[in-house]
PDB file of all heavy atoms in Angstrom:
ATOM      1  N   ALA A   1     -11.212  -9.411  20.847  1.00  0.00           N
ATOM      2  CA  ALA A   1     -11.378  -8.620  19.609  1.00  0.00           C
ATOM      3  C   ALA A   1     -10.181  -7.701  19.393  1.00  0.00           C
ATOM      4  O   ALA A   1      -9.801  -7.539  18.299  1.00  0.00           O
ATOM      5  CB  ALA A   1     -12.678  -7.864  19.694  1.00  0.00           C
ATOM      6  N   LEU A   2      -9.660  -7.169  20.447  1.00  0.00           N
ATOM      7  CA  LEU A   2      -8.527  -6.275  20.282  1.00  0.00           C
ATOM      8  C   LEU A   2      -7.220  -7.024  19.958  1.00  0.00           C
ATOM      9  O   LEU A   2      -6.303  -6.485  19.341  1.00  0.00           O
ATOM     10  CB  LEU A   2      -8.299  -5.512  21.604  1.00  0.00           C
ATOM     11  CG  LEU A   2      -9.319  -4.435  21.933  1.00  0.00           C
ATOM     12  CD1 LEU A   2      -9.037  -3.849  23.330  1.00  0.00           C
ATOM     13  CD2 LEU A   2      -9.341  -3.340  20.932  1.00  0.00           C
ATOM     14  N   CYS A   3      -7.125  -8.292  20.294  1.00  0.00           N
ATOM     15  CA  CYS A   3      -5.950  -9.113  20.043  1.00  0.00           C
ATOM     16  C   CYS A   3      -5.850  -9.610  18.579  1.00  0.00           C
ATOM     17  O   CYS A   3      -4.837 -10.089  18.211  1.00  0.00           O
ATOM     18  CB  CYS A   3      -5.906 -10.269  20.997  1.00  0.00           C
ATOM     19  SG  CYS A   3      -5.625  -9.760  22.716  1.00  0.00           S
ATOM     20  N   GLN A   4      -6.947  -9.570  17.851  1.00  0.00           N
ATOM     21  CA  GLN A   4      -6.950 -10.081  16.467  1.00  0.00           C
ATOM     22  C   GLN A   4      -6.079  -9.158  15.623  1.00  0.00           C
ATOM     23  O   GLN A   4      -6.064  -7.923  15.779  1.00  0.00           O
ATOM     24  CB  GLN A   4      -8.364 -10.085  15.891  1.00  0.00           C
ATOM     25  CG  GLN A   4      -9.188 -11.133  16.583  1.00  0.00           C
ATOM     26  CD  GLN A   4     -10.630 -11.126  15.997  1.00  0.00           C
ATOM     27  OE1 GLN A   4     -10.930 -10.298  15.139  1.00  0.00           O
ATOM     28  NE2 GLN A   4     -11.438 -12.055  16.411  1.00  0.00           N
ATOM     29  N   ALA A   5      -5.419  -9.802  14.676  1.00  0.00           N
ATOM     30  CA  ALA A   5      -4.541  -9.051  13.768  1.00  0.00           C
ATOM     31  C   ALA A   5      -5.476  -8.302  12.735  1.00  0.00           C
ATOM     32  O   ALA A   5      -6.547  -8.816  12.358  1.00  0.00           O
ATOM     33  CB  ALA A   5      -3.675  -9.972  12.974  1.00  0.00           C
ATOM     34  N   PRO A   6      -5.094  -7.079  12.309  1.00  0.00           N
ATOM     35  CA  PRO A   6      -5.908  -6.322  11.367  1.00  0.00           C
ATOM     36  C   PRO A   6      -5.928  -7.023  10.008  1.00  0.00           C
ATOM     37  O   PRO A   6      -4.981  -7.756   9.601  1.00  0.00           O
ATOM     38  CB  PRO A   6      -5.165  -4.954  11.293  1.00  0.00           C
ATOM     39  CG  PRO A   6      -3.833  -5.201  11.788  1.00  0.00           C
ATOM     40  CD  PRO A   6      -3.890  -6.348  12.737  1.00  0.00           C
ATOM     41  N   HIS A   7      -6.981  -6.832   9.253  1.00  0.00           N
ATOM     42  CA  HIS A   7      -7.138  -7.347   7.913  1.00  0.00           C
ATOM     43  C   HIS A   7      -6.056  -6.795   7.029  1.00  0.00           C
ATOM     44  O   HIS A   7      -5.804  -5.607   7.036  1.00  0.00           O
ATOM     45  CB  HIS A   7      -8.529  -7.060   7.407  1.00  0.00           C
ATOM     46  CG  HIS A   7      -8.829  -7.645   6.087  1.00  0.00           C
ATOM     47  ND1 HIS A   7      -8.913  -8.965   5.838  1.00  0.00           N
ATOM     48  CD2 HIS A   7      -8.942  -7.032   4.850  1.00  0.00           C
ATOM     49  CE1 HIS A   7      -9.138  -9.194   4.550  1.00  0.00           C
ATOM     50  NE2 HIS A   7      -9.165  -8.060   3.923  1.00  0.00           N
ATOM     51  N   ARG A   8      -5.397  -7.651   6.307  1.00  0.00           N
ATOM     52  CA  ARG A   8      -4.332  -7.209   5.369  1.00  0.00           C
ATOM     53  C   ARG A   8      -4.725  -7.398   3.916  1.00  0.00           C
ATOM     54  O   ARG A   8      -5.252  -8.435   3.520  1.00  0.00           O
ATOM     55  CB  ARG A   8      -3.050  -7.978   5.637  1.00  0.00           C
ATOM     56  CG  ARG A   8      -2.499  -7.650   7.047  1.00  0.00           C
ATOM     57  CD  ARG A   8      -1.319  -8.537   7.411  1.00  0.00           C
ATOM     58  NE  ARG A   8      -0.235  -8.263   6.469  1.00  0.00           N
ATOM     59  CZ  ARG A   8       0.885  -8.949   6.433  1.00  0.00           C
ATOM     60  NH1 ARG A   8       1.100  -9.937   7.278  1.00  0.00           N
ATOM     61  NH2 ARG A   8       1.844  -8.696   5.524  1.00  0.00           N
ATOM     62  N   VAL A   9      -4.441  -6.385   3.121  1.00  0.00           N
ATOM     63  CA  VAL A   9      -4.738  -6.388   1.722  1.00  0.00           C
ATOM     64  C   VAL A   9      -3.524  -5.879   0.975  1.00  0.00           C
ATOM     65  O   VAL A   9      -2.870  -4.967   1.414  1.00  0.00           O
ATOM     66  CB  VAL A   9      -5.931  -5.478   1.368  1.00  0.00           C
ATOM     67  CG1 VAL A   9      -6.180  -5.412  -0.141  1.00  0.00           C
ATOM     68  CG2 VAL A   9      -7.180  -5.914   2.101  1.00  0.00           C
ATOM     69  N   ALA A  10      -3.165  -6.520  -0.154  1.00  0.00           N
ATOM     70  CA  ALA A  10      -2.078  -6.069  -1.042  1.00  0.00           C
ATOM     71  C   ALA A  10      -2.687  -5.563  -2.358  1.00  0.00           C
ATOM     72  O   ALA A  10      -3.541  -6.252  -2.915  1.00  0.00           O
ATOM     73  CB  ALA A  10      -1.091  -7.194  -1.264  1.00  0.00           C
ATOM     74  N   ILE A  11      -2.227  -4.407  -2.838  1.00  0.00           N
ATOM     75  CA  ILE A  11      -2.684  -3.883  -4.045  1.00  0.00           C
ATOM     76  C   ILE A  11      -1.514  -3.851  -5.000  1.00  0.00           C
ATOM     77  O   ILE A  11      -0.502  -3.227  -4.739  1.00  0.00           O
ATOM     78  CB  ILE A  11      -3.279  -2.424  -3.913  1.00  0.00           C
ATOM     79  CG1 ILE A  11      -4.455  -2.458  -2.992  1.00  0.00           C
ATOM     80  CG2 ILE A  11      -3.616  -1.843  -5.285  1.00  0.00           C
ATOM     81  CD1 ILE A  11      -4.993  -1.088  -2.645  1.00  0.00           C
ATOM     82  N   ARG A  12      -1.655  -4.557  -6.137  1.00  0.00           N
ATOM     83  CA  ARG A  12      -0.600  -4.543  -7.193  1.00  0.00           C
ATOM     84  C   ARG A  12      -0.990  -3.404  -8.191  1.00  0.00           C
ATOM     85  O   ARG A  12      -2.045  -3.487  -8.867  1.00  0.00           O
ATOM     86  CB  ARG A  12      -0.547  -5.886  -7.918  1.00  0.00           C
ATOM     87  CG  ARG A  12       0.282  -5.916  -9.177  1.00  0.00           C
ATOM     88  CD  ARG A  12       1.739  -5.891  -8.937  1.00  0.00           C
ATOM     89  NE  ARG A  12       2.129  -7.063  -8.195  1.00  0.00           N
ATOM     90  CZ  ARG A  12       3.282  -7.109  -7.463  1.00  0.00           C
ATOM     91  NH1 ARG A  12       4.101  -6.082  -7.461  1.00  0.00           N
ATOM     92  NH2 ARG A  12       3.593  -8.121  -6.794  1.00  0.00           N
ATOM     93  N   ALA A  13      -0.223  -2.311  -8.211  1.00  0.00           N
ATOM     94  CA  ALA A  13      -0.562  -1.157  -9.023  1.00  0.00           C
ATOM     95  C   ALA A  13       0.428  -1.090 -10.177  1.00  0.00           C
ATOM     96  O   ALA A  13       1.596  -1.251  -9.989  1.00  0.00           O
ATOM     97  CB  ALA A  13      -0.502   0.136  -8.210  1.00  0.00           C
ATOM     98  N   GLY A  14      -0.089  -0.804 -11.370  1.00  0.00           N
ATOM     99  CA  GLY A  14       0.700  -0.686 -12.565  1.00  0.00           C
ATOM    100  C   GLY A  14       1.528   0.637 -12.442  1.00  0.00           C
ATOM    101  O   GLY A  14       2.730   0.634 -12.738  1.00  0.00           O
ATOM    102  N   ARG A  15       0.889   1.676 -11.960  1.00  0.00           N
ATOM    103  CA  ARG A  15       1.595   2.940 -11.701  1.00  0.00           C
ATOM    104  C   ARG A  15       1.055   3.553 -10.418  1.00  0.00           C
ATOM    105  O   ARG A  15      -0.151   3.410 -10.116  1.00  0.00           O
ATOM    106  CB  ARG A  15       1.315   3.897 -12.868  1.00  0.00           C
ATOM    107  CG  ARG A  15       2.061   3.580 -14.160  1.00  0.00           C
ATOM    108  CD  ARG A  15       1.548   4.298 -15.359  1.00  0.00           C
ATOM    109  NE  ARG A  15       0.079   4.075 -15.521  1.00  0.00           N
ATOM    110  CZ  ARG A  15      -0.438   2.960 -16.043  1.00  0.00           C
ATOM    111  NH1 ARG A  15       0.338   1.926 -16.353  1.00  0.00           N
ATOM    112  NH2 ARG A  15      -1.755   2.827 -16.269  1.00  0.00           N
ATOM    113  N   LEU A  16       1.862   4.252  -9.688  1.00  0.00           N
ATOM    114  CA  LEU A  16       1.471   4.884  -8.440  1.00  0.00           C
ATOM    115  C   LEU A  16       1.936   6.315  -8.524  1.00  0.00           C
ATOM    116  O   LEU A  16       3.101   6.638  -8.675  1.00  0.00           O
ATOM    117  CB  LEU A  16       2.037   4.202  -7.231  1.00  0.00           C
ATOM    118  CG  LEU A  16       1.913   4.937  -5.886  1.00  0.00           C
ATOM    119  CD1 LEU A  16       0.397   4.964  -5.474  1.00  0.00           C
ATOM    120  CD2 LEU A  16       2.746   4.370  -4.814  1.00  0.00           C
ATOM    121  N   ILE A  17       0.954   7.236  -8.379  1.00  0.00           N
ATOM    122  CA  ILE A  17       1.259   8.682  -8.305  1.00  0.00           C
ATOM    123  C   ILE A  17       1.250   8.945  -6.740  1.00  0.00           C
ATOM    124  O   ILE A  17       0.152   8.961  -6.178  1.00  0.00           O
ATOM    125  CB  ILE A  17       0.276   9.577  -9.049  1.00  0.00           C
ATOM    126  CG1 ILE A  17       0.333   9.225 -10.531  1.00  0.00           C
ATOM    127  CG2 ILE A  17       0.486  10.995  -8.785  1.00  0.00           C
ATOM    128  CD1 ILE A  17      -0.705   9.912 -11.355  1.00  0.00           C
ATOM    129  N   ASN A  18       2.351   9.204  -6.176  1.00  0.00           N
ATOM    130  CA  ASN A  18       2.432   9.407  -4.747  1.00  0.00           C
ATOM    131  C   ASN A  18       2.476  10.872  -4.274  1.00  0.00           C
ATOM    132  O   ASN A  18       2.440  11.203  -3.125  1.00  0.00           O
ATOM    133  CB  ASN A  18       3.644   8.678  -4.149  1.00  0.00           C
ATOM    134  CG  ASN A  18       4.981   9.230  -4.631  1.00  0.00           C
ATOM    135  OD1 ASN A  18       5.010  10.203  -5.324  1.00  0.00           O
ATOM    136  ND2 ASN A  18       6.062   8.574  -4.205  1.00  0.00           N
ATOM    137  N   GLY A  19       2.515  11.797  -5.261  1.00  0.00           N
ATOM    138  CA  GLY A  19       2.522  13.210  -4.895  1.00  0.00           C
ATOM    139  C   GLY A  19       3.852  13.799  -4.518  1.00  0.00           C
ATOM    140  O   GLY A  19       4.004  14.946  -4.306  1.00  0.00           O
ATOM    141  N   LYS A  20       4.863  12.922  -4.462  1.00  0.00           N
ATOM    142  CA  LYS A  20       6.233  13.373  -4.091  1.00  0.00           C
ATOM    143  C   LYS A  20       7.185  13.249  -5.253  1.00  0.00           C
ATOM    144  O   LYS A  20       8.066  14.118  -5.392  1.00  0.00           O
ATOM    145  CB  LYS A  20       6.790  12.568  -2.928  1.00  0.00           C
ATOM    146  CG  LYS A  20       5.980  12.795  -1.648  1.00  0.00           C
ATOM    147  CD  LYS A  20       6.551  11.955  -0.541  1.00  0.00           C
ATOM    148  CE  LYS A  20       5.699  12.180   0.779  1.00  0.00           C
ATOM    149  NZ  LYS A  20       6.259  11.356   1.915  1.00  0.00           N
ATOM    150  N   SER A  21       7.041  12.208  -6.091  1.00  0.00           N
ATOM    151  CA  SER A  21       7.961  12.043  -7.166  1.00  0.00           C
ATOM    152  C   SER A  21       7.450  12.779  -8.424  1.00  0.00           C
ATOM    153  O   SER A  21       6.268  13.050  -8.555  1.00  0.00           O
ATOM    154  CB  SER A  21       8.049  10.537  -7.542  1.00  0.00           C
ATOM    155  OG  SER A  21       8.468   9.800  -6.435  1.00  0.00           O
ATOM    156  N   ASP A  22       8.380  13.160  -9.311  1.00  0.00           N
ATOM    157  CA  ASP A  22       7.990  13.801 -10.553  1.00  0.00           C
ATOM    158  C   ASP A  22       7.269  12.912 -11.534  1.00  0.00           C
ATOM    159  O   ASP A  22       6.422  13.345 -12.248  1.00  0.00           O
ATOM    160  CB  ASP A  22       9.211  14.415 -11.227  1.00  0.00           C
ATOM    161  CG  ASP A  22       9.830  15.586 -10.456  1.00  0.00           C
ATOM    162  OD1 ASP A  22       9.085  16.204  -9.668  1.00  0.00           O
ATOM    163  OD2 ASP A  22      11.070  15.858 -10.624  1.00  0.00           O
ATOM    164  N   LYS A  23       7.615  11.609 -11.491  1.00  0.00           N
ATOM    165  CA  LYS A  23       7.022  10.604 -12.372  1.00  0.00           C
ATOM    166  C   LYS A  23       6.346   9.564 -11.538  1.00  0.00           C
ATOM    167  O   LYS A  23       6.752   9.238 -10.404  1.00  0.00           O
ATOM    168  CB  LYS A  23       8.164  10.000 -13.218  1.00  0.00           C
ATOM    169  CG  LYS A  23       8.849  10.898 -14.164  1.00  0.00           C
ATOM    170  CD  LYS A  23       9.843  10.189 -15.006  1.00  0.00           C
ATOM    171  CE  LYS A  23      10.548  11.104 -15.969  1.00  0.00           C
ATOM    172  NZ  LYS A  23      11.515  10.424 -16.811  1.00  0.00           N
ATOM    173  N   PRO A  24       5.366   8.960 -12.149  1.00  0.00           N
ATOM    174  CA  PRO A  24       4.684   7.849 -11.388  1.00  0.00           C
ATOM    175  C   PRO A  24       5.618   6.671 -11.188  1.00  0.00           C
ATOM    176  O   PRO A  24       6.504   6.347 -12.038  1.00  0.00           O
ATOM    177  CB  PRO A  24       3.515   7.432 -12.350  1.00  0.00           C
ATOM    178  CG  PRO A  24       3.358   8.510 -13.295  1.00  0.00           C
ATOM    179  CD  PRO A  24       4.686   9.216 -13.372  1.00  0.00           C
ATOM    180  N   LEU A  25       5.528   5.983 -10.032  1.00  0.00           N
ATOM    181  CA  LEU A  25       6.270   4.773  -9.799  1.00  0.00           C
ATOM    182  C   LEU A  25       5.637   3.616 -10.567  1.00  0.00           C
ATOM    183  O   LEU A  25       4.367   3.464 -10.590  1.00  0.00           O
ATOM    184  CB  LEU A  25       6.299   4.499  -8.283  1.00  0.00           C
ATOM    185  CG  LEU A  25       6.846   5.612  -7.415  1.00  0.00           C
ATOM    186  CD1 LEU A  25       6.645   5.257  -5.958  1.00  0.00           C
ATOM    187  CD2 LEU A  25       8.319   5.904  -7.770  1.00  0.00           C
ATOM    188  N   GLU A  26       6.445   2.714 -11.112  1.00  0.00           N
ATOM    189  CA  GLU A  26       5.931   1.639 -11.921  1.00  0.00           C
ATOM    190  C   GLU A  26       5.916   0.329 -11.128  1.00  0.00           C
ATOM    191  O   GLU A  26       6.843   0.118 -10.358  1.00  0.00           O
ATOM    192  CB  GLU A  26       6.794   1.429 -13.153  1.00  0.00           C
ATOM    193  CG  GLU A  26       6.879   2.677 -14.058  1.00  0.00           C
ATOM    194  CD  GLU A  26       5.619   2.889 -14.877  1.00  0.00           C
ATOM    195  OE1 GLU A  26       4.921   1.879 -15.227  1.00  0.00           O
ATOM    196  OE2 GLU A  26       5.286   4.057 -15.224  1.00  0.00           O
ATOM    197  N   ASN A  27       4.940  -0.558 -11.397  1.00  0.00           N
ATOM    198  CA  ASN A  27       4.871  -1.882 -10.832  1.00  0.00           C
ATOM    199  C   ASN A  27       5.059  -1.876  -9.287  1.00  0.00           C
ATOM    200  O   ASN A  27       6.065  -2.294  -8.832  1.00  0.00           O
ATOM    201  CB  ASN A  27       5.807  -2.856 -11.511  1.00  0.00           C
ATOM    202  CG  ASN A  27       5.611  -4.229 -11.109  1.00  0.00           C
ATOM    203  OD1 ASN A  27       4.549  -4.641 -10.751  1.00  0.00           O
ATOM    204  ND2 ASN A  27       6.677  -5.055 -11.203  1.00  0.00           N
ATOM    205  N   VAL A  28       4.131  -1.349  -8.599  1.00  0.00           N
ATOM    206  CA  VAL A  28       4.233  -1.114  -7.125  1.00  0.00           C
ATOM    207  C   VAL A  28       3.291  -2.045  -6.391  1.00  0.00           C
ATOM    208  O   VAL A  28       2.152  -2.332  -6.818  1.00  0.00           O
ATOM    209  CB  VAL A  28       3.906   0.340  -6.804  1.00  0.00           C
ATOM    210  CG1 VAL A  28       3.963   0.562  -5.333  1.00  0.00           C
ATOM    211  CG2 VAL A  28       4.877   1.259  -7.510  1.00  0.00           C
ATOM    212  N   LEU A  29       3.794  -2.573  -5.262  1.00  0.00           N
ATOM    213  CA  LEU A  29       2.973  -3.350  -4.369  1.00  0.00           C
ATOM    214  C   LEU A  29       2.694  -2.534  -3.122  1.00  0.00           C
ATOM    215  O   LEU A  29       3.638  -2.160  -2.438  1.00  0.00           O
ATOM    216  CB  LEU A  29       3.690  -4.669  -3.990  1.00  0.00           C
ATOM    217  CG  LEU A  29       2.834  -5.601  -3.095  1.00  0.00           C
ATOM    218  CD1 LEU A  29       1.703  -6.229  -3.869  1.00  0.00           C
ATOM    219  CD2 LEU A  29       3.707  -6.676  -2.461  1.00  0.00           C
ATOM    220  N   ILE A  30       1.429  -2.338  -2.806  1.00  0.00           N
ATOM    221  CA  ILE A  30       0.991  -1.554  -1.630  1.00  0.00           C
ATOM    222  C   ILE A  30       0.332  -2.542  -0.638  1.00  0.00           C
ATOM    223  O   ILE A  30      -0.607  -3.211  -1.028  1.00  0.00           O
ATOM    224  CB  ILE A  30      -0.027  -0.447  -2.032  1.00  0.00           C
ATOM    225  CG1 ILE A  30       0.586   0.436  -3.143  1.00  0.00           C
ATOM    226  CG2 ILE A  30      -0.419   0.392  -0.808  1.00  0.00           C
ATOM    227  CD1 ILE A  30      -0.500   1.250  -3.856  1.00  0.00           C
ATOM    228  N   VAL A  31       0.886  -2.557   0.545  1.00  0.00           N
ATOM    229  CA  VAL A  31       0.289  -3.480   1.583  1.00  0.00           C
ATOM    230  C   VAL A  31      -0.427  -2.601   2.604  1.00  0.00           C
ATOM    231  O   VAL A  31       0.150  -1.678   3.141  1.00  0.00           O
ATOM    232  CB  VAL A  31       1.390  -4.309   2.291  1.00  0.00           C
ATOM    233  CG1 VAL A  31       0.793  -5.219   3.362  1.00  0.00           C
ATOM    234  CG2 VAL A  31       2.128  -5.190   1.223  1.00  0.00           C
ATOM    235  N   ILE A  32      -1.680  -2.958   2.822  1.00  0.00           N
ATOM    236  CA  ILE A  32      -2.551  -2.224   3.785  1.00  0.00           C
ATOM    237  C   ILE A  32      -2.912  -3.099   4.893  1.00  0.00           C
ATOM    238  O   ILE A  32      -3.416  -4.201   4.686  1.00  0.00           O
ATOM    239  CB  ILE A  32      -3.786  -1.656   2.997  1.00  0.00           C
ATOM    240  CG1 ILE A  32      -3.412  -0.852   1.834  1.00  0.00           C
ATOM    241  CG2 ILE A  32      -4.715  -0.934   3.991  1.00  0.00           C
ATOM    242  CD1 ILE A  32      -4.507  -0.491   0.927  1.00  0.00           C
ATOM    243  N   GLU A  33      -2.700  -2.668   6.136  1.00  0.00           N
ATOM    244  CA  GLU A  33      -3.114  -3.391   7.313  1.00  0.00           C
ATOM    245  C   GLU A  33      -4.155  -2.541   8.068  1.00  0.00           C
ATOM    246  O   GLU A  33      -3.859  -1.454   8.493  1.00  0.00           O
ATOM    247  CB  GLU A  33      -1.841  -3.619   8.248  1.00  0.00           C
ATOM    248  CG  GLU A  33      -0.812  -4.598   7.634  1.00  0.00           C
ATOM    249  CD  GLU A  33       0.345  -4.812   8.542  1.00  0.00           C
ATOM    250  OE1 GLU A  33       0.342  -4.240   9.654  1.00  0.00           O
ATOM    251  OE2 GLU A  33       1.226  -5.518   8.148  1.00  0.00           O
ATOM    252  N   GLY A  34      -5.330  -3.120   8.158  1.00  0.00           N
ATOM    253  CA  GLY A  34      -6.427  -2.359   8.763  1.00  0.00           C
ATOM    254  C   GLY A  34      -6.815  -1.158   7.914  1.00  0.00           C
ATOM    255  O   GLY A  34      -7.239  -1.407   6.784  1.00  0.00           O
ATOM    256  N   ASP A  35      -6.630  -0.019   8.430  1.00  0.00           N
ATOM    257  CA  ASP A  35      -6.923   1.195   7.640  1.00  0.00           C
ATOM    258  C   ASP A  35      -5.647   2.026   7.396  1.00  0.00           C
ATOM    259  O   ASP A  35      -5.754   3.206   7.060  1.00  0.00           O
ATOM    260  CB  ASP A  35      -7.977   2.052   8.362  1.00  0.00           C
ATOM    261  CG  ASP A  35      -7.616   2.484   9.705  1.00  0.00           C
ATOM    262  OD1 ASP A  35      -6.546   2.079  10.192  1.00  0.00           O
ATOM    263  OD2 ASP A  35      -8.316   3.298  10.267  1.00  0.00           O
ATOM    264  N   LYS A  36      -4.485   1.441   7.533  1.00  0.00           N
ATOM    265  CA  LYS A  36      -3.217   2.158   7.304  1.00  0.00           C
ATOM    266  C   LYS A  36      -2.370   1.473   6.266  1.00  0.00           C
ATOM    267  O   LYS A  36      -2.362   0.246   6.138  1.00  0.00           O
ATOM    268  CB  LYS A  36      -2.456   2.238   8.611  1.00  0.00           C
ATOM    269  CG  LYS A  36      -3.219   2.820   9.769  1.00  0.00           C
ATOM    270  CD  LYS A  36      -2.369   3.787  10.538  1.00  0.00           C
ATOM    271  CE  LYS A  36      -3.115   4.331  11.728  1.00  0.00           C
ATOM    272  NZ  LYS A  36      -3.851   5.441  11.530  1.00  0.00           N
ATOM    273  N   ILE A  37      -1.604   2.260   5.501  1.00  0.00           N
ATOM    274  CA  ILE A  37      -0.666   1.717   4.542  1.00  0.00           C
ATOM    275  C   ILE A  37       0.526   1.293   5.255  1.00  0.00           C
ATOM    276  O   ILE A  37       1.215   2.056   5.946  1.00  0.00           O
ATOM    277  CB  ILE A  37      -0.292   2.760   3.448  1.00  0.00           C
ATOM    278  CG1 ILE A  37      -1.568   3.126   2.680  1.00  0.00           C
ATOM    279  CG2 ILE A  37       0.805   2.246   2.539  1.00  0.00           C
ATOM    280  CD1 ILE A  37      -1.340   4.312   1.700  1.00  0.00           C
ATOM    281  N   ALA A  38       0.848  -0.029   5.175  1.00  0.00           N
ATOM    282  CA  ALA A  38       2.001  -0.594   5.881  1.00  0.00           C
ATOM    283  C   ALA A  38       3.276  -0.461   5.108  1.00  0.00           C
ATOM    284  O   ALA A  38       4.327  -0.188   5.635  1.00  0.00           O
ATOM    285  CB  ALA A  38       1.747  -2.080   6.247  1.00  0.00           C
ATOM    286  N   SER A  39       3.224  -0.684   3.761  1.00  0.00           N
ATOM    287  CA  SER A  39       4.423  -0.610   2.970  1.00  0.00           C
ATOM    288  C   SER A  39       4.076  -0.284   1.494  1.00  0.00           C
ATOM    289  O   SER A  39       3.000  -0.693   1.063  1.00  0.00           O
ATOM    290  CB  SER A  39       5.240  -1.853   3.060  1.00  0.00           C
ATOM    291  OG  SER A  39       4.586  -2.929   2.482  1.00  0.00           O
ATOM    292  N   VAL A  40       5.001   0.298   0.831  1.00  0.00           N
ATOM    293  CA  VAL A  40       4.938   0.530  -0.601  1.00  0.00           C
ATOM    294  C   VAL A  40       6.278   0.108  -1.162  1.00  0.00           C
ATOM    295  O   VAL A  40       7.268   0.704  -0.851  1.00  0.00           O
ATOM    296  CB  VAL A  40       4.625   2.046  -0.973  1.00  0.00           C
ATOM    297  CG1 VAL A  40       4.629   2.275  -2.466  1.00  0.00           C
ATOM    298  CG2 VAL A  40       3.339   2.458  -0.310  1.00  0.00           C
ATOM    299  N   VAL A  41       6.256  -0.956  -2.015  1.00  0.00           N
ATOM    300  CA  VAL A  41       7.492  -1.501  -2.519  1.00  0.00           C
ATOM    301  C   VAL A  41       7.393  -1.649  -4.008  1.00  0.00           C
ATOM    302  O   VAL A  41       6.374  -2.082  -4.574  1.00  0.00           O
ATOM    303  CB  VAL A  41       7.688  -2.927  -1.906  1.00  0.00           C
ATOM    304  CG1 VAL A  41       8.972  -3.526  -2.390  1.00  0.00           C
ATOM    305  CG2 VAL A  41       7.683  -2.893  -0.401  1.00  0.00           C
TER     306      VAL A  41
END
């Protein structure tokens, strides 16, 4: 059970408000592995 890869989900977001940028990011792909955000591109 520990050796299994975590479940992966990709979210295609039209806009992303990340709390750091002044403007929302457009057309973003968020990849989630298990319960952690793996990447935001």
